[in-house]
């Protein structure tokens, strides 16, 4: 017979004597054929007849690039090998289990390569959103038989140390003769442990600030962004990428580095040995809460931070402080890439003053909830609306957020970033002071915008 073959709930026994269907089901077995606890201990030898389990003179093995260790959250490529003295076609199924729950404790996440597929515990194919909570155990297997008996399998460990992890694998060395006999089934298991890298993180209260390109003194609130500085935070340096997301959900860790605020997992955007940037998770609590940074070596001492309902700030990086004036970053909605400011304010960027009636785009963080609700750590939809709209005061004159082209909500396609399309009022000429508040709370920024 050719490698494993998968059918619906009827199982592999349904194919006995139905040689015409053999090749139609050569993509692999149903889930739970690895011989792991809770799986079929015979690993489909009820279908591949004639030779007892592990009696064919060959073997199945899994090799790991980091030896017997894993780094939490850091993907690695495993190699599955089926060896058999007479086989012509090969197949496999592999699962990863928490040592603390070998029958149903899924460990990490498999990603199928060409020629492979991942099954959930309800026998459905794993899609981009992953397996459902009640069918969380995963099984990666071949989708077409191999002639070499080797597969490269991508596995991402749990985001934080999960203790020992045991891999169970079943391999088939098939003779390819179209019969139910003569194929050889092998099983094996391998245990790996979390690697201990470097030292546990060290963080101080002074090292926790709001996103500095906005206002480092804005504070801590659900959905806003923090920069956390310290030492021994990470052994790698990188920002998040598309592969770190699960659908529209941002990662809670990068390469084993995670942050909790009031016991809830933050969303990690960037890591380096001395810094981690996170979005604060949703939490109704205000007042003093504990912030903890964790890596594979352990957790930092808890740091107390003061959490508020909102912590608004608008984009105004230090590079835009020119001649003693802090200009905010504002673009013309009708001409993205052209900025509001005196001509030549910053070399290499186009600037011009804004006039009454112009729609300008301003970005912010920490302005609070929107409708429809978009949880922290989620890519924003095409439109949303701030429940408590901010006020933009140009000198003593309010900007308009209610015109037909105006907007006040999350920036579409971004995480935790707010976008405001504001209609400029008639408020004088030259550099005019701009003050902003969100939810009745000032941004605490002294800002200027240039009008004509």
Protein backbone atom coordinates (compact mmCIF):
# COMPACT_ATOMS: atom_id res chain seq x y z
CA UNK A 1 0.00 0.00 0.00
CA UNK A 2 1.14 3.61 -0.49
CA UNK A 3 2.07 5.34 2.76
CA UNK A 4 -0.61 6.32 5.26
CA UNK A 5 -4.06 7.05 3.95
CA UNK A 6 -6.72 9.23 5.56
CA UNK A 7 -10.45 8.83 5.35
CA UNK A 8 -13.32 10.37 7.23
CA UNK A 9 -14.60 9.10 10.60
CA UNK A 10 -14.92 5.56 9.21
CA UNK A 11 -11.14 5.12 9.76
CA UNK A 12 -8.56 3.19 7.87
CA UNK A 13 -10.28 -0.19 8.32
CA UNK A 14 -12.96 0.95 5.88
CA UNK A 15 -10.45 0.64 3.04
CA UNK A 16 -9.70 -3.04 3.52
CA UNK A 17 -10.30 -4.79 0.25
CA UNK A 18 -11.06 -1.58 -1.63
CA UNK A 19 -7.90 -1.35 -3.68
CA UNK A 20 -9.38 1.17 -6.11
CA UNK A 21 -9.50 3.79 -3.37
CA UNK A 22 -5.96 3.36 -2.12
CA UNK A 23 -4.35 6.15 -4.08
CA UNK A 24 -7.25 8.55 -3.52
CA UNK A 25 -6.45 8.54 0.22
CA UNK A 26 -2.65 8.63 0.13
CA UNK A 27 -2.48 12.04 1.85
CA UNK A 28 -2.23 10.61 5.37
CA UNK A 29 -4.31 9.13 8.20
CA UNK A 30 -6.98 10.52 10.48
CA UNK A 31 -5.73 12.29 13.59
CA UNK A 32 -4.40 10.35 16.61
CA UNK A 33 -2.42 7.66 14.78
CA UNK A 34 0.96 8.47 16.39
CA UNK A 35 0.89 6.01 19.29
CA UNK A 36 0.87 8.88 21.82
CA UNK A 37 -1.25 8.65 24.99
CA UNK A 38 -4.84 9.09 23.88
CA UNK A 39 -3.94 8.03 20.30
CA UNK A 40 -4.27 4.64 18.62
CA UNK A 41 -1.48 2.63 20.21
CA UNK A 42 -1.20 0.48 17.07
CA UNK A 43 -0.70 3.55 14.84
CA UNK A 44 -2.82 2.25 11.93
CA UNK A 45 -1.35 -1.22 11.74
CA UNK A 46 -5.01 -2.26 11.72
CA UNK A 47 -4.96 -1.07 8.10
CA UNK A 48 -1.38 -1.80 7.09
CA UNK A 49 -1.44 -5.54 7.74
CA UNK A 50 1.04 -8.34 7.98
CA UNK A 51 3.89 -6.86 10.00
CA UNK A 52 3.70 -5.99 13.67
CA UNK A 53 4.36 -2.43 14.85
CA UNK A 54 8.09 -1.57 14.67
CA UNK A 55 8.77 -5.00 13.19
CA UNK A 56 9.85 -4.05 9.68
CA UNK A 57 13.56 -3.64 10.27
CA UNK A 58 13.49 0.15 9.94
CA UNK A 59 12.73 3.18 12.11
CA UNK A 60 11.24 6.67 12.35
CA UNK A 61 13.06 9.58 13.97
CA UNK A 62 12.83 13.32 14.57
CA UNK A 63 15.91 15.53 14.76
CA UNK A 64 15.89 18.99 16.36
CA UNK A 65 18.14 21.90 15.33
CA UNK A 66 18.73 22.97 18.95
CA UNK A 67 19.39 19.50 20.30
CA UNK A 68 17.01 18.62 23.11
CA UNK A 69 16.00 22.23 23.85
CA UNK A 70 13.60 24.86 22.53
CA UNK A 71 13.51 28.64 22.86
CA UNK A 72 9.95 29.75 23.71
CA UNK A 73 8.26 31.43 20.77
CA UNK A 74 11.19 30.89 18.39
CA UNK A 75 10.26 28.72 15.36
CA UNK A 76 12.51 25.80 14.49
CA UNK A 77 12.66 23.33 11.63
CA UNK A 78 12.48 19.68 12.61
CA UNK A 79 13.50 16.81 10.34
CA UNK A 80 11.33 13.69 10.26
CA UNK A 81 13.02 10.62 8.76
CA UNK A 82 11.52 7.20 7.99
CA UNK A 83 14.08 4.50 7.16
CA UNK A 84 13.07 1.09 5.81
CA UNK A 85 15.14 -1.52 3.95
CA UNK A 86 12.56 -2.24 1.23
CA UNK A 87 10.09 0.68 1.15
CA UNK A 88 9.35 2.66 -2.01
CA UNK A 89 6.92 5.23 -0.56
CA UNK A 90 6.84 6.90 2.83
CA UNK A 91 4.41 8.76 5.07
CA UNK A 92 4.36 10.22 8.61
CA UNK A 93 2.24 11.82 11.33
CA UNK A 94 3.72 13.94 14.13
CA UNK A 95 2.24 15.55 17.26
CA UNK A 96 3.72 17.63 20.12
CA UNK A 97 2.37 17.30 23.68
CA UNK A 98 3.01 18.98 27.00
CA UNK A 99 4.71 16.53 29.34
CA UNK A 100 2.23 17.66 31.99
CA UNK A 101 -0.71 16.55 29.82
CA UNK A 102 0.40 13.93 27.31
CA UNK A 103 -3.06 12.95 26.07
CA UNK A 104 -4.51 16.37 25.24
CA UNK A 105 -1.98 19.11 26.02
CA UNK A 106 -1.05 20.71 22.71
CA UNK A 107 2.49 22.12 22.73
CA UNK A 108 3.22 24.93 20.29
CA UNK A 109 2.03 25.21 16.72
CA UNK A 110 2.76 23.37 13.46
CA UNK A 111 2.90 25.09 10.06
CA UNK A 112 2.36 22.94 6.98
CA UNK A 113 4.83 23.15 4.10
CA UNK A 114 4.02 22.06 0.53
CA UNK A 115 3.22 18.35 0.59
CA UNK A 116 2.03 18.53 4.20
CA UNK A 117 -1.17 19.30 6.11
CA UNK A 118 -2.12 19.90 9.74
CA UNK A 119 -5.19 18.23 11.27
CA UNK A 120 -7.03 19.41 14.38
CA UNK A 121 -8.33 16.97 16.97
CA UNK A 122 -11.79 16.97 15.34
CA UNK A 123 -10.18 15.77 12.06
CA UNK A 124 -10.67 19.15 10.40
CA UNK A 125 -7.87 20.90 8.55
CA UNK A 126 -6.11 23.59 10.56
CA UNK A 127 -6.78 26.97 8.92
CA UNK A 128 -5.10 30.37 9.42
CA UNK A 129 -7.11 31.02 12.58
CA UNK A 130 -5.81 27.76 14.09
CA UNK A 131 -7.71 24.89 15.68
CA UNK A 132 -10.75 25.49 17.85
CA UNK A 133 -10.36 25.44 21.64
CA UNK A 134 -12.16 22.10 21.96
CA UNK A 135 -10.03 20.46 19.24
CA UNK A 136 -6.67 22.01 20.00
CA UNK A 137 -4.33 19.02 19.59
CA UNK A 138 -2.54 19.21 16.23
CA UNK A 139 -1.22 16.49 13.93
CA UNK A 140 1.07 17.34 11.02
CA UNK A 141 1.43 14.74 8.28
CA UNK A 142 2.22 14.27 4.61
CA UNK A 143 -0.40 15.25 2.04
CA UNK A 144 1.33 13.28 -0.72
CA UNK A 145 3.60 10.26 -0.23
CA UNK A 146 7.36 10.79 -0.24
CA UNK A 147 9.97 8.85 -2.18
CA UNK A 148 12.80 9.93 0.15
CA UNK A 149 11.30 9.39 3.61
CA UNK A 150 12.39 12.85 4.80
CA UNK A 151 10.35 15.94 5.66
CA UNK A 152 11.22 19.36 7.05
CA UNK A 153 8.56 20.42 9.57
CA UNK A 154 8.14 23.93 10.96
CA UNK A 155 7.19 24.03 14.63
CA UNK A 156 6.81 27.11 16.83
CA UNK A 157 7.17 26.42 20.57
CA UNK A 158 4.78 27.93 23.13
CA UNK A 159 5.37 31.65 23.69
CA UNK A 160 6.57 31.06 27.26
CA UNK A 161 8.39 28.13 28.81
CA UNK A 162 5.99 25.19 29.04
CA UNK A 163 8.32 22.70 30.68
CA UNK A 164 9.17 19.48 28.91
CA UNK A 165 7.54 18.73 25.55
CA UNK A 166 7.23 15.25 24.06
CA UNK A 167 6.96 14.60 20.31
CA UNK A 168 5.24 11.43 19.15
CA UNK A 169 5.76 10.32 15.56
CA UNK A 170 4.54 7.46 13.41
CA UNK A 171 6.16 6.62 10.09
CA UNK A 172 5.19 4.29 7.26
CA UNK A 173 7.57 2.54 4.93
CA UNK A 174 5.23 1.32 2.16
CA UNK A 175 5.99 -1.08 -0.69
CA UNK A 176 3.62 0.67 -3.09
CA UNK A 177 2.16 -2.55 -4.47
CA UNK A 178 -1.48 -1.50 -4.04
CA UNK A 179 -2.21 -4.16 -1.42
CA UNK A 180 -2.91 -3.92 2.32
CA UNK A 181 0.08 -6.07 3.25
CA UNK A 182 3.82 -5.58 3.24
CA UNK A 183 3.91 -2.02 4.63
CA UNK A 184 5.88 -1.26 7.79
CA UNK A 185 4.69 1.07 10.56
CA UNK A 186 7.15 2.58 13.06
CA UNK A 187 6.64 4.79 16.12
CA UNK A 188 8.97 6.75 18.37
CA UNK A 189 8.90 9.63 20.86
CA UNK A 190 11.36 12.36 21.78
CA UNK A 191 11.47 14.79 24.72
CA UNK A 192 12.89 18.32 24.66
CA UNK A 193 13.11 21.02 27.34
CA UNK A 194 13.04 24.80 27.42
CA UNK A 195 16.46 26.35 26.95
CA UNK A 196 17.77 28.69 29.63
CA UNK A 197 19.38 31.65 27.87
CA UNK A 198 21.21 34.46 29.61
CA UNK A 199 19.82 36.13 32.72
CA UNK A 200 16.33 37.10 33.79
CA UNK A 201 15.35 40.67 32.80
CA UNK A 202 16.10 43.70 34.94
CA UNK A 203 13.70 46.65 34.64
CA UNK A 204 13.26 49.81 36.71
CA UNK A 205 10.28 52.09 37.10
CA UNK A 206 12.17 54.92 35.38
CA UNK A 207 12.64 52.65 32.37
CA UNK A 208 8.88 52.38 31.65
CA UNK A 209 7.61 55.19 29.41
CA UNK A 210 4.87 55.77 26.89
CA UNK A 211 5.86 55.60 23.22
CA UNK A 212 8.52 58.31 22.96
CA UNK A 213 7.62 59.38 19.41
CA UNK A 214 4.32 60.55 20.91
CA UNK A 215 4.84 61.58 24.54
CA UNK A 216 6.97 59.48 26.90
CA UNK A 217 5.11 61.02 29.87
CA UNK A 218 1.59 60.20 28.63
CA UNK A 219 1.18 57.31 31.08
CA UNK A 220 -0.27 53.80 31.08
CA UNK A 221 -3.79 52.95 29.86
CA UNK A 222 -5.46 50.03 28.12
CA UNK A 223 -4.57 49.97 24.43
CA UNK A 224 -1.73 52.48 24.58
CA UNK A 225 1.90 51.75 23.75
CA UNK A 226 4.81 51.48 26.18
CA UNK A 227 8.58 51.34 25.78
CA UNK A 228 10.26 49.33 28.53
CA UNK A 229 14.01 49.74 29.01
CA UNK A 230 16.33 47.57 31.07
CA UNK A 231 18.96 44.87 30.68
CA UNK A 232 19.02 41.16 29.76
CA UNK A 233 15.56 41.48 28.23
CA UNK A 234 16.25 39.44 25.10
CA UNK A 235 19.06 37.62 23.33
CA UNK A 236 17.68 38.71 19.94
CA UNK A 237 16.70 42.00 18.34
CA UNK A 238 13.67 42.23 16.06
CA UNK A 239 10.18 43.60 15.57
CA UNK A 240 7.08 41.59 14.93
CA UNK A 241 6.30 40.32 11.43
CA UNK A 242 3.36 38.79 9.63
CA UNK A 243 4.33 35.28 10.72
CA UNK A 244 4.01 36.31 14.38
CA UNK A 245 0.32 37.17 13.99
CA UNK A 246 -2.51 34.67 14.25
CA UNK A 247 -5.03 36.05 11.82
CA UNK A 248 -5.68 39.62 12.99
CA UNK A 249 -4.30 38.97 16.50
CA UNK A 250 -0.90 40.37 17.51
CA UNK A 251 1.63 38.17 19.36
CA UNK A 252 1.89 38.06 23.15
CA UNK A 253 5.60 37.25 22.92
CA UNK A 254 8.58 37.40 20.59
CA UNK A 255 11.38 34.83 20.92
CA UNK A 256 10.22 33.95 24.42
CA UNK A 257 9.99 37.55 25.70
CA UNK A 258 6.62 38.51 27.16
CA UNK A 259 5.15 41.20 29.43
CA UNK A 260 2.23 41.11 31.82
CA UNK A 261 0.43 44.18 33.18
CA UNK A 262 -1.86 43.50 36.12
CA UNK A 263 -1.47 39.81 35.33
CA UNK A 264 -2.70 40.14 31.73
CA UNK A 265 -0.58 39.44 28.66
CA UNK A 266 0.54 42.53 26.73
CA UNK A 267 1.18 42.48 22.96
CA UNK A 268 4.87 42.52 22.04
CA UNK A 269 5.95 44.62 19.06
CA UNK A 270 9.74 44.85 19.46
CA UNK A 271 12.51 43.21 21.50
CA UNK A 272 16.22 43.79 22.02
CA UNK A 273 18.65 43.14 24.88
CA UNK A 274 17.80 46.53 26.37
CA UNK A 275 14.22 47.23 25.29
CA UNK A 276 10.78 45.74 24.72
CA UNK A 277 7.83 47.65 23.23
CA UNK A 278 4.30 46.52 24.05
CA UNK A 279 0.66 47.45 23.67
CA UNK A 280 -1.11 47.48 27.03
CA UNK A 281 -3.84 44.79 27.23
CA UNK A 282 -7.49 45.57 27.88
CA UNK A 283 -8.26 45.80 31.58
CA UNK A 284 -10.81 47.92 33.46
CA UNK A 285 -8.48 48.31 36.45
CA UNK A 286 -7.01 51.73 37.24
CA UNK A 287 -4.53 52.79 39.89
CA UNK A 288 -1.29 51.00 40.75
CA UNK A 289 -0.77 47.73 38.85
CA UNK A 290 2.22 45.40 38.50
CA UNK A 291 4.30 45.11 35.31
CA UNK A 292 6.53 42.05 34.81
CA UNK A 293 8.91 41.25 31.94
CA UNK A 294 9.67 37.54 31.33
CA UNK A 295 12.22 35.75 29.16
CA UNK A 296 13.41 32.15 29.00
CA UNK A 297 15.65 32.65 32.05
CA UNK A 298 12.91 34.00 34.33
CA UNK A 299 10.90 37.08 35.24
CA UNK A 300 11.87 40.58 36.35
CA UNK A 301 10.92 41.88 39.75
CA UNK A 302 7.39 43.37 39.56
CA UNK A 303 7.34 47.11 38.90
CA UNK A 304 4.38 49.21 40.06
CA UNK A 305 2.94 51.53 37.39
CA UNK A 306 -0.03 53.88 37.65
CA UNK A 307 -2.78 52.92 35.22
CA UNK A 308 -5.43 55.40 34.07
CA UNK A 309 -8.56 55.11 31.93
CA UNK A 310 -6.96 56.97 29.01
CA UNK A 311 -3.45 58.27 28.30
CA UNK A 312 -3.76 60.33 25.10
CA UNK A 313 -0.81 61.56 23.05
CA UNK A 314 -0.32 62.65 19.44
CA UNK A 315 2.61 61.94 17.15
CA UNK A 316 5.30 64.57 17.75
CA UNK A 317 8.81 63.02 17.73
CA UNK A 318 11.86 64.89 18.99
CA UNK A 319 13.14 65.29 15.41
CA UNK A 320 10.21 67.67 14.89
CA UNK A 321 11.40 69.98 17.65
CA UNK A 322 12.96 72.79 15.61
CA UNK A 323 14.04 76.18 16.87
CA UNK A 324 12.68 75.45 20.34
CA UNK A 325 9.19 74.61 19.03
CA UNK A 326 7.69 71.12 19.06
CA UNK A 327 5.65 70.66 15.87
CA UNK A 328 3.23 67.77 15.62
CA UNK A 329 3.22 65.40 12.65
CA UNK A 330 0.25 66.30 10.46
CA UNK A 331 -0.29 65.47 6.78
CA UNK A 332 -2.72 66.84 4.25
CA UNK A 333 -5.45 64.26 3.69
CA UNK A 334 -5.65 65.28 0.04
CA UNK A 335 -1.88 64.97 -0.37
CA UNK A 336 -0.44 62.23 1.86
CA UNK A 337 3.29 62.68 2.31
CA UNK A 338 3.05 66.47 2.38
CA UNK A 339 3.33 67.76 5.94
CA UNK A 340 1.92 70.77 7.73
CA UNK A 341 4.66 73.19 8.77
CA UNK A 342 6.91 75.99 7.59
CA UNK A 343 8.51 75.32 4.22
CA UNK A 344 11.85 73.59 4.76
CA UNK A 345 11.13 72.67 8.39
CA UNK A 346 12.97 69.33 8.06
CA UNK A 347 15.40 68.66 5.23
CA UNK A 348 14.14 66.23 2.60
CA UNK A 349 10.44 66.44 3.53
CA UNK A 350 7.80 68.57 1.78
CA UNK A 351 6.07 71.10 4.07
CA UNK A 352 3.54 73.87 3.65
CA UNK A 353 1.22 75.76 6.02
CA UNK A 354 -2.41 74.70 6.34
CA UNK A 355 -5.29 77.01 5.59
CA UNK A 356 -8.83 77.16 6.92
CA UNK A 357 -10.92 74.32 5.44
CA UNK A 358 -8.00 71.93 4.86
CA UNK A 359 -8.44 68.39 6.16
CA UNK A 360 -5.29 67.27 7.95
CA UNK A 361 -4.45 63.81 9.32
CA UNK A 362 -3.02 63.45 12.83
CA UNK A 363 -2.07 60.20 14.60
CA UNK A 364 -2.30 59.35 18.30
CA UNK A 365 -2.24 56.64 20.97
CA UNK A 366 -4.09 56.04 24.24
CA UNK A 367 -7.40 57.73 23.35
CA UNK A 368 -9.65 54.95 24.64
CA UNK A 369 -12.37 52.62 23.33
CA UNK A 370 -14.02 52.71 19.93
CA UNK A 371 -17.22 51.38 18.43
CA UNK A 372 -17.53 48.74 17.15
CA UNK A 373 -15.29 47.36 19.88
CA UNK A 374 -11.75 46.53 18.73
CA UNK A 375 -9.84 44.68 21.47
CA UNK A 376 -6.22 45.54 22.19
CA UNK A 377 -3.85 43.44 20.11
CA UNK A 378 -6.19 43.37 17.12
CA UNK A 379 -5.59 44.80 13.64
CA UNK A 380 -8.10 47.65 13.23
CA UNK A 381 -10.93 47.28 10.70
CA UNK A 382 -11.65 49.71 7.86
CA UNK A 383 -13.62 52.08 10.10
CA UNK A 384 -14.29 52.64 13.78
CA UNK A 385 -15.41 55.60 15.87
CA UNK A 386 -14.02 56.88 19.16
CA UNK A 387 -16.66 56.77 21.87
CA UNK A 388 -15.25 59.96 23.44
CA UNK A 389 -14.07 62.21 20.61
CA UNK A 390 -11.04 64.39 21.38
CA UNK A 391 -10.84 68.16 21.07
CA UNK A 392 -8.27 69.88 18.85
CA UNK A 393 -7.86 73.54 19.78
CA UNK A 394 -5.98 75.70 17.26
CA UNK A 395 -5.07 78.70 19.38
CA UNK A 396 -8.49 79.44 20.86
CA UNK A 397 -10.50 77.94 17.97
CA UNK A 398 -11.74 74.35 17.84
CA UNK A 399 -10.99 72.13 14.86
CA UNK A 400 -13.87 70.19 13.29
CA UNK A 401 -14.14 66.40 13.65
CA UNK A 402 -17.73 66.19 12.42
CA UNK A 403 -17.44 67.17 8.76
CA UNK A 404 -18.22 64.65 6.02
CA UNK A 405 -14.51 64.01 5.38
CA UNK A 406 -13.56 63.97 9.07
CA UNK A 407 -12.65 60.87 11.05
CA UNK A 408 -11.83 59.96 14.66
CA UNK A 409 -11.09 56.28 15.25
CA UNK A 410 -8.42 53.61 14.93
CA UNK A 411 -6.17 53.77 11.89
CA UNK A 412 -7.33 50.99 9.52
CA UNK A 413 -4.88 48.09 9.32
CA UNK A 414 -2.84 49.20 12.34
CA UNK A 415 -2.74 48.03 15.96
CA UNK A 416 -3.48 50.55 18.70
CA UNK A 417 -2.92 53.61 16.49
CA UNK A 418 -5.60 56.32 16.24
CA UNK A 419 -6.22 58.48 13.19
CA UNK A 420 -7.88 61.90 13.20
CA UNK A 421 -8.92 63.70 10.04
CA UNK A 422 -9.48 67.25 11.31
CA UNK A 423 -10.88 70.25 9.44
CA UNK A 424 -8.66 73.28 10.11
CA UNK A 425 -10.51 76.36 11.42
CA UNK A 426 -9.72 80.02 10.71
CA UNK A 427 -7.33 80.56 13.59
CA UNK A 428 -4.71 83.08 12.48
CA UNK A 429 -1.44 82.68 10.61
CA UNK A 430 2.06 81.49 11.38
CA UNK A 431 2.93 79.05 14.16
CA UNK A 432 -0.19 78.57 16.26
CA UNK A 433 -0.33 76.64 19.54
CA UNK A 434 -2.27 73.39 19.28
CA UNK A 435 -3.73 71.70 22.34
CA UNK A 436 -5.39 68.27 22.35
CA UNK A 437 -7.43 66.36 24.88
CA UNK A 438 -9.00 62.91 24.77
CA UNK A 439 -11.74 61.78 27.10
CA UNK A 440 -11.34 65.05 29.01
CA UNK A 441 -7.62 64.36 29.61
CA UNK A 442 -4.96 66.64 28.15
CA UNK A 443 -2.14 65.14 26.11
CA UNK A 444 0.26 67.24 28.24
CA UNK A 445 2.08 68.28 25.07
CA UNK A 446 3.10 71.82 24.07
CA UNK A 447 2.64 71.73 20.32
CA UNK A 448 2.66 74.06 17.32
CA UNK A 449 1.09 73.92 13.88
CA UNK A 450 1.69 76.33 11.00
CA UNK A 451 -1.31 78.11 9.41
CA UNK A 452 -1.77 80.59 6.59
